[in-house]
PDB file of N, CA and C in Angstrom:
ATOM      1  N   MET A   1      -4.942  -3.881  36.576  1.00  0.00           N
ATOM      2  CA  MET A   1      -4.506  -5.176  36.725  1.00  0.00           C
ATOM      3  C   MET A   1      -3.446  -6.077  36.751  1.00  0.00           C
ATOM      4  N   LYS A   2      -2.880  -6.947  37.228  1.00  0.00           N
ATOM      5  CA  LYS A   2      -1.754  -7.590  37.463  1.00  0.00           C
ATOM      6  C   LYS A   2      -2.124  -8.655  36.792  1.00  0.00           C
ATOM      7  N   PHE A   3      -0.684  -9.396  35.999  1.00  0.00           N
ATOM      8  CA  PHE A   3      -1.123 -10.624  35.419  1.00  0.00           C
ATOM      9  C   PHE A   3      -0.519 -11.699  36.258  1.00  0.00           C
ATOM     10  N   LYS A   4      -0.868 -12.408  37.135  1.00  0.00           N
ATOM     11  CA  LYS A   4      -0.055 -13.489  37.598  1.00  0.00           C
ATOM     12  C   LYS A   4      -0.318 -14.571  37.154  1.00  0.00           C
ATOM     13  N   CYS A   5       0.937 -15.254  37.130  1.00  0.00           N
ATOM     14  CA  CYS A   5       1.712 -16.451  36.651  1.00  0.00           C
ATOM     15  C   CYS A   5       2.098 -17.654  37.508  1.00  0.00           C
ATOM     16  N   ALA A   6       1.874 -18.576  37.540  1.00  0.00           N
ATOM     17  CA  ALA A   6       2.759 -19.439  38.623  1.00  0.00           C
ATOM     18  C   ALA A   6       3.023 -20.925  37.860  1.00  0.00           C
ATOM     19  N   LEU A   7       4.128 -21.216  37.692  1.00  0.00           N
ATOM     20  CA  LEU A   7       4.360 -22.426  36.981  1.00  0.00           C
ATOM     21  C   LEU A   7       4.085 -23.203  37.811  1.00  0.00           C
ATOM     22  N   MET A   8       4.770 -23.317  39.082  1.00  0.00           N
ATOM     23  CA  MET A   8       3.930 -24.391  40.727  1.00  0.00           C
ATOM     24  C   MET A   8       2.750 -24.116  40.465  1.00  0.00           C
ATOM     25  N   PRO A   9       2.046 -25.210  40.730  1.00  0.00           N
ATOM     26  CA  PRO A   9       0.427 -25.571  41.232  1.00  0.00           C
ATOM     27  C   PRO A   9       0.457 -24.691  42.721  1.00  0.00           C
ATOM     28  N   GLU A  10      -0.369 -24.196  43.213  1.00  0.00           N
ATOM     29  CA  GLU A  10      -0.904 -23.913  44.312  1.00  0.00           C
ATOM     30  C   GLU A  10      -1.351 -24.460  45.204  1.00  0.00           C
ATOM     31  N   LYS A  11      -2.301 -25.767  44.488  1.00  0.00           N
ATOM     32  CA  LYS A  11      -3.025 -26.939  44.903  1.00  0.00           C
ATOM     33  C   LYS A  11      -1.866 -28.138  44.697  1.00  0.00           C
ATOM     34  N   LYS A  12      -1.992 -28.886  45.741  1.00  0.00           N
ATOM     35  CA  LYS A  12      -1.116 -30.227  45.842  1.00  0.00           C
ATOM     36  C   LYS A  12      -2.081 -31.390  44.308  1.00  0.00           C
ATOM     37  N   THR A  13      -1.287 -31.947  43.764  1.00  0.00           N
ATOM     38  CA  THR A  13      -1.882 -32.457  42.702  1.00  0.00           C
ATOM     39  C   THR A  13      -1.713 -33.755  42.399  1.00  0.00           C
ATOM     40  N   ASN A  14      -1.801 -34.959  42.216  1.00  0.00           N
ATOM     41  CA  ASN A  14      -1.948 -36.360  42.299  1.00  0.00           C
ATOM     42  C   ASN A  14      -0.995 -36.579  41.106  1.00  0.00           C
ATOM     43  N   SER A  15       0.235 -35.626  40.971  1.00  0.00           N
ATOM     44  CA  SER A  15       1.352 -36.582  40.174  1.00  0.00           C
ATOM     45  C   SER A  15       2.629 -37.265  40.709  1.00  0.00           C
ATOM     46  N   ASN A  16       2.931 -37.970  40.340  1.00  0.00           N
ATOM     47  CA  ASN A  16       4.334 -38.898  40.604  1.00  0.00           C
ATOM     48  C   ASN A  16       5.635 -38.343  40.362  1.00  0.00           C
ATOM     49  N   ARG A  17       6.411 -39.412  40.620  1.00  0.00           N
ATOM     50  CA  ARG A  17       7.894 -38.910  40.093  1.00  0.00           C
ATOM     51  C   ARG A  17       7.999 -39.388  38.373  1.00  0.00           C
ATOM     52  N   ARG A  18       6.892 -39.965  37.849  1.00  0.00           N
ATOM     53  CA  ARG A  18       6.561 -40.531  36.332  1.00  0.00           C
ATOM     54  C   ARG A  18       6.691 -39.514  35.694  1.00  0.00           C
ATOM     55  N   ASP A  19       4.908 -38.827  36.190  1.00  0.00           N
ATOM     56  CA  ASP A  19       4.410 -37.960  36.107  1.00  0.00           C
ATOM     57  C   ASP A  19       5.660 -36.823  35.495  1.00  0.00           C
ATOM     58  N   PHE A  20       6.666 -36.651  36.791  1.00  0.00           N
ATOM     59  CA  PHE A  20       7.606 -35.531  36.569  1.00  0.00           C
ATOM     60  C   PHE A  20       8.910 -35.826  35.733  1.00  0.00           C
ATOM     61  N   LEU A  21       9.277 -36.691  35.638  1.00  0.00           N
ATOM     62  CA  LEU A  21      10.431 -37.363  34.552  1.00  0.00           C
ATOM     63  C   LEU A  21       9.618 -37.385  33.383  1.00  0.00           C
ATOM     64  N   THR A  22       8.825 -37.887  33.045  1.00  0.00           N
ATOM     65  CA  THR A  22       8.593 -37.917  31.298  1.00  0.00           C
ATOM     66  C   THR A  22       7.687 -35.910  31.018  1.00  0.00           C
ATOM     67  N   GLY A  23       7.621 -35.680  32.377  1.00  0.00           N
ATOM     68  CA  GLY A  23       7.597 -33.801  31.870  1.00  0.00           C
ATOM     69  C   GLY A  23       5.832 -33.873  31.732  1.00  0.00           C
ATOM     70  N   ARG A  24       5.259 -34.390  32.528  1.00  0.00           N
ATOM     71  CA  ARG A  24       3.059 -34.518  32.462  1.00  0.00           C
ATOM     72  C   ARG A  24       3.063 -33.287  32.924  1.00  0.00           C
ATOM     73  N   VAL A  25       3.800 -32.908  33.930  1.00  0.00           N
ATOM     74  CA  VAL A  25       3.936 -31.863  35.263  1.00  0.00           C
ATOM     75  C   VAL A  25       4.019 -30.491  34.528  1.00  0.00           C
ATOM     76  N   LEU A  26       5.574 -30.401  33.866  1.00  0.00           N
ATOM     77  CA  LEU A  26       5.526 -29.427  33.205  1.00  0.00           C
ATOM     78  C   LEU A  26       4.765 -28.641  32.133  1.00  0.00           C
ATOM     79  N   LYS A  27       3.684 -30.060  31.302  1.00  0.00           N
ATOM     80  CA  LYS A  27       2.697 -29.960  30.437  1.00  0.00           C
ATOM     81  C   LYS A  27       1.594 -29.463  30.879  1.00  0.00           C
ATOM     82  N   GLN A  28       1.347 -29.792  32.466  1.00  0.00           N
ATOM     83  CA  GLN A  28       0.176 -28.977  32.913  1.00  0.00           C
ATOM     84  C   GLN A  28       0.067 -27.410  33.414  1.00  0.00           C
ATOM     85  N   ALA A  29       1.601 -27.800  33.765  1.00  0.00           N
ATOM     86  CA  ALA A  29       1.967 -26.135  34.220  1.00  0.00           C
ATOM     87  C   ALA A  29       2.273 -24.959  33.490  1.00  0.00           C
ATOM     88  N   ILE A  30       2.361 -25.445  32.044  1.00  0.00           N
ATOM     89  CA  ILE A  30       2.079 -24.866  30.711  1.00  0.00           C
ATOM     90  C   ILE A  30       0.509 -24.053  30.657  1.00  0.00           C
ATOM     91  N   GLU A  31       0.265 -25.475  30.482  1.00  0.00           N
ATOM     92  CA  GLU A  31      -1.466 -25.017  29.855  1.00  0.00           C
ATOM     93  C   GLU A  31      -1.935 -24.353  30.852  1.00  0.00           C
ATOM     94  N   ASN A  32      -1.678 -24.694  31.906  1.00  0.00           N
ATOM     95  CA  ASN A  32      -2.379 -23.970  33.262  1.00  0.00           C
ATOM     96  C   ASN A  32      -1.942 -22.213  32.838  1.00  0.00           C
ATOM     97  N   ALA A  33      -0.465 -21.652  32.983  1.00  0.00           N
ATOM     98  CA  ALA A  33      -0.238 -21.029  33.067  1.00  0.00           C
ATOM     99  C   ALA A  33      -1.005 -20.221  31.580  1.00  0.00           C
ATOM    100  N   GLY A  34      -0.629 -20.953  30.048  1.00  0.00           N
ATOM    101  CA  GLY A  34      -1.628 -20.369  29.002  1.00  0.00           C
ATOM    102  C   GLY A  34      -3.321 -20.142  29.232  1.00  0.00           C
ATOM    103  N   ASP A  35      -3.964 -20.677  30.359  1.00  0.00           N
ATOM    104  CA  ASP A  35      -5.305 -20.587  30.560  1.00  0.00           C
ATOM    105  C   ASP A  35      -5.384 -19.432  31.242  1.00  0.00           C
ATOM    106  N   ASP A  36      -4.878 -19.261  31.868  1.00  0.00           N
ATOM    107  CA  ASP A  36      -4.062 -17.642  33.000  1.00  0.00           C
ATOM    108  C   ASP A  36      -3.428 -16.480  32.061  1.00  0.00           C
ATOM    109  N   LEU A  37      -3.063 -16.858  30.916  1.00  0.00           N
ATOM    110  CA  LEU A  37      -2.358 -15.546  30.434  1.00  0.00           C
ATOM    111  C   LEU A  37      -4.089 -15.298  29.862  1.00  0.00           C
ATOM    112  N   ALA A  38      -4.711 -16.420  28.618  1.00  0.00           N
ATOM    113  CA  ALA A  38      -5.617 -16.186  27.985  1.00  0.00           C
ATOM    114  C   ALA A  38      -7.019 -15.706  29.051  1.00  0.00           C
ATOM    115  N   ASP A  39      -7.228 -15.888  30.292  1.00  0.00           N
ATOM    116  CA  ASP A  39      -7.811 -15.533  30.874  1.00  0.00           C
ATOM    117  C   ASP A  39      -8.164 -13.462  31.072  1.00  0.00           C
ATOM    118  N   TYR A  40      -6.567 -13.540  31.530  1.00  0.00           N
ATOM    119  CA  TYR A  40      -5.761 -12.207  31.539  1.00  0.00           C
ATOM    120  C   TYR A  40      -5.820 -11.057  30.487  1.00  0.00           C
ATOM    121  N   LEU A  41      -5.768 -11.960  29.020  1.00  0.00           N
ATOM    122  CA  LEU A  41      -5.795 -11.298  28.060  1.00  0.00           C
ATOM    123  C   LEU A  41      -7.523 -10.892  27.845  1.00  0.00           C
ATOM    124  N   ASN A  42      -8.032 -11.341  28.310  1.00  0.00           N
ATOM    125  CA  ASN A  42      -9.643 -11.766  27.768  1.00  0.00           C
ATOM    126  C   ASN A  42      -9.972 -10.571  28.985  1.00  0.00           C
ATOM    127  N   GLN A  43      -9.959 -10.116  29.945  1.00  0.00           N
ATOM    128  CA  GLN A  43     -10.180  -9.258  30.930  1.00  0.00           C
ATOM    129  C   GLN A  43      -9.261  -7.856  29.982  1.00  0.00           C
ATOM    130  N   ALA A  44      -8.191  -7.834  30.252  1.00  0.00           N
ATOM    131  CA  ALA A  44      -7.552  -6.657  29.852  1.00  0.00           C
ATOM    132  C   ALA A  44      -8.246  -5.848  28.285  1.00  0.00           C
ATOM    133  N   THR A  45      -8.992  -6.747  27.696  1.00  0.00           N
ATOM    134  CA  THR A  45      -9.406  -6.403  26.465  1.00  0.00           C
ATOM    135  C   THR A  45     -10.614  -6.010  26.701  1.00  0.00           C
ATOM    136  N   GLU A  46     -11.070  -6.387  27.789  1.00  0.00           N
ATOM    137  CA  GLU A  46     -12.711  -5.906  28.011  1.00  0.00           C
ATOM    138  C   GLU A  46     -12.788  -4.450  28.392  1.00  0.00           C
ATOM    139  N   GLU A  47     -11.462  -4.846  29.408  1.00  0.00           N
ATOM    140  CA  GLU A  47     -11.574  -3.108  30.150  1.00  0.00           C
ATOM    141  C   GLU A  47     -10.691  -2.158  29.335  1.00  0.00           C
ATOM    142  N   PHE A  48     -10.055  -2.245  28.839  1.00  0.00           N
ATOM    143  CA  PHE A  48      -8.999  -1.155  27.490  1.00  0.00           C
ATOM    144  C   PHE A  48      -9.618  -1.093  26.148  1.00  0.00           C
ATOM    145  N   ALA A  49     -10.183  -0.053  25.849  1.00  0.00           N
ATOM    146  CA  ALA A  49     -10.443   0.323  24.921  1.00  0.00           C
ATOM    147  C   ALA A  49      -9.349   0.242  23.958  1.00  0.00           C
ATOM    148  N   ALA A  50      -9.055  -0.109  22.773  1.00  0.00           N
ATOM    149  CA  ALA A  50      -8.758  -0.830  21.353  1.00  0.00           C
ATOM    150  C   ALA A  50      -7.949   0.572  20.666  1.00  0.00           C
ATOM    151  N   PRO A  51      -6.822   1.234  20.597  1.00  0.00           N
ATOM    152  CA  PRO A  51      -6.498   2.273  20.372  1.00  0.00           C
ATOM    153  C   PRO A  51      -7.233   2.660  18.984  1.00  0.00           C
ATOM    154  N   SER A  52      -7.589   3.512  18.649  1.00  0.00           N
ATOM    155  CA  SER A  52      -8.074   3.875  17.453  1.00  0.00           C
ATOM    156  C   SER A  52      -7.249   4.234  16.262  1.00  0.00           C
ATOM    157  N   GLY A  53      -7.452   4.007  15.412  1.00  0.00           N
ATOM    158  CA  GLY A  53      -6.438   4.348  13.885  1.00  0.00           C
ATOM    159  C   GLY A  53      -6.488   5.959  13.730  1.00  0.00           C
ATOM    160  N   GLY A  54      -4.917   6.488  13.457  1.00  0.00           N
ATOM    161  CA  GLY A  54      -5.245   7.727  12.634  1.00  0.00           C
ATOM    162  C   GLY A  54      -4.167   7.955  11.754  1.00  0.00           C
ATOM    163  N   SER A  55      -4.217   9.647  11.347  1.00  0.00           N
ATOM    164  CA  SER A  55      -2.849   9.734  10.679  1.00  0.00           C
ATOM    165  C   SER A  55      -1.885   9.732  11.524  1.00  0.00           C
ATOM    166  N   THR A  56      -0.760   9.507  10.661  1.00  0.00           N
ATOM    167  CA  THR A  56       0.435   8.710  11.116  1.00  0.00           C
ATOM    168  C   THR A  56       1.874   9.800  10.305  1.00  0.00           C
ATOM    169  N   ILE A  57       2.867   9.925  10.345  1.00  0.00           N
ATOM    170  CA  ILE A  57       3.918  10.573  10.396  1.00  0.00           C
ATOM    171  C   ILE A  57       4.894   9.280   9.889  1.00  0.00           C
ATOM    172  N   ARG A  58       5.388   9.139   8.376  1.00  0.00           N
ATOM    173  CA  ARG A  58       6.673   7.781   8.095  1.00  0.00           C
ATOM    174  C   ARG A  58       7.650   8.821   7.571  1.00  0.00           C
ATOM    175  N   LEU A  59       8.988   8.226   8.200  1.00  0.00           N
ATOM    176  CA  LEU A  59      10.233   8.956   8.277  1.00  0.00           C
ATOM    177  C   LEU A  59      10.937   8.065   7.850  1.00  0.00           C
ATOM    178  N   SER A  60      11.704   7.634   6.546  1.00  0.00           N
ATOM    179  CA  SER A  60      13.130   7.138   6.150  1.00  0.00           C
ATOM    180  C   SER A  60      13.620   7.714   5.604  1.00  0.00           C
ATOM    181  N   THR A  61      14.587   6.668   5.129  1.00  0.00           N
ATOM    182  CA  THR A  61      15.793   6.286   5.120  1.00  0.00           C
ATOM    183  C   THR A  61      16.589   5.634   4.925  1.00  0.00           C
ATOM    184  N   ARG A  62      17.163   5.672   3.666  1.00  0.00           N
ATOM    185  CA  ARG A  62      18.632   4.170   2.765  1.00  0.00           C
ATOM    186  C   ARG A  62      19.710   4.724   3.273  1.00  0.00           C
ATOM    187  N   ALA A  63      20.108   3.190   3.710  1.00  0.00           N
ATOM    188  CA  ALA A  63      21.519   3.039   4.372  1.00  0.00           C
ATOM    189  C   ALA A  63      21.894   2.463   4.498  1.00  0.00           C
ATOM    190  N   MET A  64      23.491   1.145   4.285  1.00  0.00           N
ATOM    191  CA  MET A  64      24.049   0.113   4.422  1.00  0.00           C
ATOM    192  C   MET A  64      22.973  -0.902   4.127  1.00  0.00           C
ATOM    193  N   ALA A  65      22.437  -0.220   2.300  1.00  0.00           N
ATOM    194  CA  ALA A  65      22.078  -0.944   1.624  1.00  0.00           C
ATOM    195  C   ALA A  65      20.287  -1.174   2.313  1.00  0.00           C
ATOM    196  N   THR A  66      19.643  -1.059   3.203  1.00  0.00           N
ATOM    197  CA  THR A  66      18.741  -1.097   3.920  1.00  0.00           C
ATOM    198  C   THR A  66      17.507   0.103   3.679  1.00  0.00           C
ATOM    199  N   GLU A  67      15.960   0.222   3.575  1.00  0.00           N
ATOM    200  CA  GLU A  67      15.617   1.160   3.723  1.00  0.00           C
ATOM    201  C   GLU A  67      15.211   0.703   5.626  1.00  0.00           C
ATOM    202  N   PHE A  68      15.198   2.333   6.178  1.00  0.00           N
ATOM    203  CA  PHE A  68      15.035   2.308   7.890  1.00  0.00           C
ATOM    204  C   PHE A  68      13.569   3.668   8.122  1.00  0.00           C
ATOM    205  N   ALA A  69      13.195   3.142   8.527  1.00  0.00           N
ATOM    206  CA  ALA A  69      11.512   3.778   8.519  1.00  0.00           C
ATOM    207  C   ALA A  69      11.477   3.240  10.163  1.00  0.00           C
ATOM    208  N   MET A  70      10.854   5.223  10.669  1.00  0.00           N
ATOM    209  CA  MET A  70       9.765   4.900  11.764  1.00  0.00           C
ATOM    210  C   MET A  70       8.244   5.485  10.941  1.00  0.00           C
ATOM    211  N   VAL A  71       6.965   4.679  11.934  1.00  0.00           N
ATOM    212  CA  VAL A  71       5.751   5.508  12.002  1.00  0.00           C
ATOM    213  C   VAL A  71       5.558   6.375  12.731  1.00  0.00           C
ATOM    214  N   ILE A  72       5.025   7.105  13.282  1.00  0.00           N
ATOM    215  CA  ILE A  72       4.728   7.942  14.687  1.00  0.00           C
ATOM    216  C   ILE A  72       3.400   8.419  14.608  1.00  0.00           C
ATOM    217  N   ASN A  73       2.897   8.742  15.519  1.00  0.00           N
ATOM    218  CA  ASN A  73       1.489   9.842  15.720  1.00  0.00           C
ATOM    219  C   ASN A  73       2.265  11.375  15.356  1.00  0.00           C
ATOM    220  N   PRO A  74       1.340  11.980  15.003  1.00  0.00           N
ATOM    221  CA  PRO A  74       1.925  13.697  14.704  1.00  0.00           C
ATOM    222  C   PRO A  74       1.155  13.977  15.898  1.00  0.00           C
ATOM    223  N   GLY A  75       2.828  14.579  16.223  1.00  0.00           N
ATOM    224  CA  GLY A  75       2.541  15.707  17.741  1.00  0.00           C
ATOM    225  C   GLY A  75       3.623  16.485  17.606  1.00  0.00           C
ATOM    226  N   ALA A  76       4.146  17.025  18.720  1.00  0.00           N
ATOM    227  CA  ALA A  76       4.659  17.788  18.810  1.00  0.00           C
ATOM    228  C   ALA A  76       6.136  17.931  17.697  1.00  0.00           C
ATOM    229  N   SER A  77       6.551  19.214  17.416  1.00  0.00           N
ATOM    230  CA  SER A  77       7.842  19.346  16.438  1.00  0.00           C
ATOM    231  C   SER A  77       8.877  18.791  17.093  1.00  0.00           C
ATOM    232  N   GLN A  78       8.998  19.128  17.936  1.00  0.00           N
ATOM    233  CA  GLN A  78      10.001  18.109  18.850  1.00  0.00           C
ATOM    234  C   GLN A  78      10.363  16.666  18.754  1.00  0.00           C
ATOM    235  N   GLN A  79       9.268  16.257  18.465  1.00  0.00           N
ATOM    236  CA  GLN A  79       8.741  14.317  18.248  1.00  0.00           C
ATOM    237  C   GLN A  79       9.448  13.709  16.970  1.00  0.00           C
ATOM    238  N   VAL A  80       9.151  14.797  15.744  1.00  0.00           N
ATOM    239  CA  VAL A  80       9.438  14.933  14.808  1.00  0.00           C
ATOM    240  C   VAL A  80      10.952  14.615  14.466  1.00  0.00           C
ATOM    241  N   MET A  81      11.342  15.968  15.072  1.00  0.00           N
ATOM    242  CA  MET A  81      13.296  16.103  14.914  1.00  0.00           C
ATOM    243  C   MET A  81      13.552  15.119  15.481  1.00  0.00           C
ATOM    244  N   ARG A  82      13.638  14.548  16.781  1.00  0.00           N
ATOM    245  CA  ARG A  82      14.278  13.423  17.271  1.00  0.00           C
ATOM    246  C   ARG A  82      13.662  12.359  16.549  1.00  0.00           C
ATOM    247  N   ALA A  83      12.393  12.172  16.016  1.00  0.00           N
ATOM    248  CA  ALA A  83      12.899  10.260  14.960  1.00  0.00           C
ATOM    249  C   ALA A  83      13.941  10.898  13.435  1.00  0.00           C
ATOM    250  N   SER A  84      13.994  12.735  13.294  1.00  0.00           N
ATOM    251  CA  SER A  84      14.544  12.748  11.963  1.00  0.00           C
ATOM    252  C   SER A  84      16.149  12.514  12.341  1.00  0.00           C
ATOM    253  N   ASP A  85      16.382  12.952  13.560  1.00  0.00           N
ATOM    254  CA  ASP A  85      17.918  12.854  14.605  1.00  0.00           C
ATOM    255  C   ASP A  85      18.460  11.609  14.543  1.00  0.00           C
ATOM    256  N   ALA A  86      17.200  10.543  14.843  1.00  0.00           N
ATOM    257  CA  ALA A  86      17.517   9.033  14.566  1.00  0.00           C
ATOM    258  C   ALA A  86      17.960   8.533  13.609  1.00  0.00           C
ATOM    259  N   LEU A  87      17.187   8.387  12.775  1.00  0.00           N
ATOM    260  CA  LEU A  87      17.545   8.315  11.536  1.00  0.00           C
ATOM    261  C   LEU A  87      18.557   8.788  10.627  1.00  0.00           C
ATOM    262  N   ASP A  88      18.887  10.216  11.206  1.00  0.00           N
ATOM    263  CA  ASP A  88      20.430  10.900  10.742  1.00  0.00           C
ATOM    264  C   ASP A  88      21.710   9.778  11.256  1.00  0.00           C
ATOM    265  N   LEU A  89      21.287   9.323  12.466  1.00  0.00           N
ATOM    266  CA  LEU A  89      22.221   8.713  13.064  1.00  0.00           C
ATOM    267  C   LEU A  89      22.631   7.498  12.315  1.00  0.00           C
ATOM    268  N   ILE A  90      21.930   7.398  11.754  1.00  0.00           N
ATOM    269  CA  ILE A  90      21.942   5.805  11.054  1.00  0.00           C
ATOM    270  C   ILE A  90      23.290   5.966   9.911  1.00  0.00           C
ATOM    271  N   HIS A  91      23.154   7.040   9.649  1.00  0.00           N
ATOM    272  CA  HIS A  91      24.090   7.447   8.037  1.00  0.00           C
ATOM    273  C   HIS A  91      25.528   7.952   8.905  1.00  0.00           C
ATOM    274  N   GLU A  92      25.487   7.936  10.360  1.00  0.00           N
ATOM    275  CA  GLU A  92      27.078   8.511  11.189  1.00  0.00           C
ATOM    276  C   GLU A  92      27.525   6.884  11.073  1.00  0.00           C
ATOM    277  N   TYR A  93      26.456   6.030  11.781  1.00  0.00           N
ATOM    278  CA  TYR A  93      27.271   4.803  12.068  1.00  0.00           C
ATOM    279  C   TYR A  93      27.952   4.645  10.551  1.00  0.00           C
ATOM    280  N   GLU A  94      26.746   4.109   9.168  1.00  0.00           N
ATOM    281  CA  GLU A  94      27.206   3.744   8.139  1.00  0.00           C
ATOM    282  C   GLU A  94      28.098   4.548   7.528  1.00  0.00           C
ATOM    283  N   GLN A  95      28.779   5.930   7.932  1.00  0.00           N
ATOM    284  CA  GLN A  95      30.074   6.175   7.613  1.00  0.00           C
ATOM    285  C   GLN A  95      31.468   5.462   8.781  1.00  0.00           C
ATOM    286  N   LEU A  96      31.394   4.777   9.652  1.00  0.00           N
ATOM    287  CA  LEU A  96      31.684   4.544  10.882  1.00  0.00           C
ATOM    288  C   LEU A  96      32.314   3.109   9.897  1.00  0.00           C
ATOM    289  N   MET A  97      31.203   2.403   9.476  1.00  0.00           N
ATOM    290  CA  MET A  97      31.291   1.391   9.597  1.00  0.00           C
ATOM    291  C   MET A  97      31.451   0.897   8.181  1.00  0.00           C
ATOM    292  N   THR A  98      31.213   1.180   7.665  1.00  0.00           N
ATOM    293  CA  THR A  98      31.133   1.067   5.910  1.00  0.00           C
ATOM    294  C   THR A  98      32.727   0.435   5.537  1.00  0.00           C
ATOM    295  N   VAL A  99      32.810  -0.474   4.888  1.00  0.00           N
ATOM    296  CA  VAL A  99      33.969  -0.733   4.201  1.00  0.00           C
ATOM    297  C   VAL A  99      34.234  -0.235   2.746  1.00  0.00           C
ATOM    298  N   TYR A 100      32.944   0.226   2.094  1.00  0.00           N
ATOM    299  CA  TYR A 100      32.817   0.147   0.622  1.00  0.00           C
ATOM    300  C   TYR A 100      33.779   2.170   0.420  1.00  0.00           C
ATOM    301  N   ARG A 101      34.085   2.857   1.530  1.00  0.00           N
ATOM    302  CA  ARG A 101      34.723   3.802   1.305  1.00  0.00           C
ATOM    303  C   ARG A 101      35.958   3.639   2.241  1.00  0.00           C
ATOM    304  N   SER A 102      36.747   4.285   1.575  1.00  0.00           N
ATOM    305  CA  SER A 102      38.124   4.168   2.467  1.00  0.00           C
ATOM    306  C   SER A 102      38.001   5.358   3.143  1.00  0.00           C
ATOM    307  N   THR A 103      37.537   6.381   3.375  1.00  0.00           N
ATOM    308  CA  THR A 103      37.241   7.134   4.654  1.00  0.00           C
ATOM    309  C   THR A 103      36.856   6.686   6.068  1.00  0.00           C
ATOM    310  N   SER A 104      35.994   5.302   5.962  1.00  0.00           N
ATOM    311  CA  SER A 104      35.771   5.436   6.388  1.00  0.00           C
ATOM    312  C   SER A 104      36.441   4.783   8.133  1.00  0.00           C
ATOM    313  N   GLU A 105      36.013   4.359   9.461  1.00  0.00           N
ATOM    314  CA  GLU A 105      36.725   3.654  10.662  1.00  0.00           C
ATOM    315  C   GLU A 105      37.017   2.694  10.167  1.00  0.00           C
ATOM    316  N   MET A 106      35.909   1.884   9.620  1.00  0.00           N
ATOM    317  CA  MET A 106      36.210   0.609   9.194  1.00  0.00           C
ATOM    318  C   MET A 106      37.820  -0.213   8.295  1.00  0.00           C
ATOM    319  N   SER A 107      37.147   0.668   7.188  1.00  0.00           N
ATOM    320  CA  SER A 107      38.618   0.580   6.232  1.00  0.00           C
ATOM    321  C   SER A 107      39.728   1.269   6.789  1.00  0.00           C
ATOM    322  N   ARG A 108      39.826   1.972   8.009  1.00  0.00           N
ATOM    323  CA  ARG A 108      40.880   2.019   8.084  1.00  0.00           C
ATOM    324  C   ARG A 108      41.715   1.011   9.287  1.00  0.00           C
ATOM    325  N   VAL A 109      40.572   0.680  10.281  1.00  0.00           N
ATOM    326  CA  VAL A 109      41.458  -0.290  10.940  1.00  0.00           C
ATOM    327  C   VAL A 109      41.229  -1.617  10.191  1.00  0.00           C
ATOM    328  N   ASN A 110      40.674  -1.775   9.104  1.00  0.00           N
ATOM    329  CA  ASN A 110      41.116  -3.247   8.328  1.00  0.00           C
ATOM    330  C   ASN A 110      42.704  -2.999   7.379  1.00  0.00           C
ATOM    331  N   ALA A 111      42.559  -1.576   6.889  1.00  0.00           N
ATOM    332  CA  ALA A 111      44.265  -1.136   6.213  1.00  0.00           C
ATOM    333  C   ALA A 111      45.072  -1.190   7.130  1.00  0.00           C
ATOM    334  N   THR A 112      45.238  -1.227   8.872  1.00  0.00           N
ATOM    335  CA  THR A 112      46.431  -1.137   9.268  1.00  0.00           C
ATOM    336  C   THR A 112      46.311  -2.331  10.268  1.00  0.00           C
ATOM    337  N   ALA A 113      45.384  -3.442  10.577  1.00  0.00           N
ATOM    338  CA  ALA A 113      45.381  -4.418  10.837  1.00  0.00           C
ATOM    339  C   ALA A 113      46.456  -5.499  11.140  1.00  0.00           C
ATOM    340  N   SER A 114      47.168  -5.441   9.905  1.00  0.00           N
ATOM    341  CA  SER A 114      48.391  -6.064   9.820  1.00  0.00           C
ATOM    342  C   SER A 114      49.744  -5.890  10.202  1.00  0.00           C
ATOM    343  N   GLU A 115      49.927  -4.422  10.848  1.00  0.00           N
ATOM    344  CA  GLU A 115      50.559  -3.623  11.112  1.00  0.00           C
ATOM    345  C   GLU A 115      50.766  -3.716  12.405  1.00  0.00           C
ATOM    346  N   GLY A 116      49.781  -4.113  13.431  1.00  0.00           N
ATOM    347  CA  GLY A 116      50.178  -4.507  14.912  1.00  0.00           C
ATOM    348  C   GLY A 116      48.861  -4.724  15.709  1.00  0.00           C
ATOM    349  N   PRO A 117      48.941  -4.403  16.866  1.00  0.00           N
ATOM    350  CA  PRO A 117      47.165  -4.485  17.854  1.00  0.00           C
ATOM    351  C   PRO A 117      46.378  -3.622  16.982  1.00  0.00           C
ATOM    352  N   VAL A 118      45.397  -3.542  17.179  1.00  0.00           N
ATOM    353  CA  VAL A 118      44.152  -2.750  16.410  1.00  0.00           C
ATOM    354  C   VAL A 118      43.213  -2.118  17.575  1.00  0.00           C
TER     355      VAL A 118
END
């Protein structure tokens, strides 16, 4: 099923210039598009079963004063390892961008910024 929405009406309407300039034509087109979307969503929910809940795996880490977390479906160990690698990447970015560690790239840039182009 493909969603089709057209803001321009397919059939001629009895709108006039005043309707266009006051936004009535656009309002009607948006209402029609909303109706089309609602019809599409109703059909889609009837055709496709809702996903069922099951067990999940939650991976999280704390970096940059923020909690980063992923909730994934259990699957192949590669999937879990990729998610873990993505969270490890956040720590690498933190190491580059933090201004709270003198060894970070950002601290080095800030320290040498007054000496010339960065």
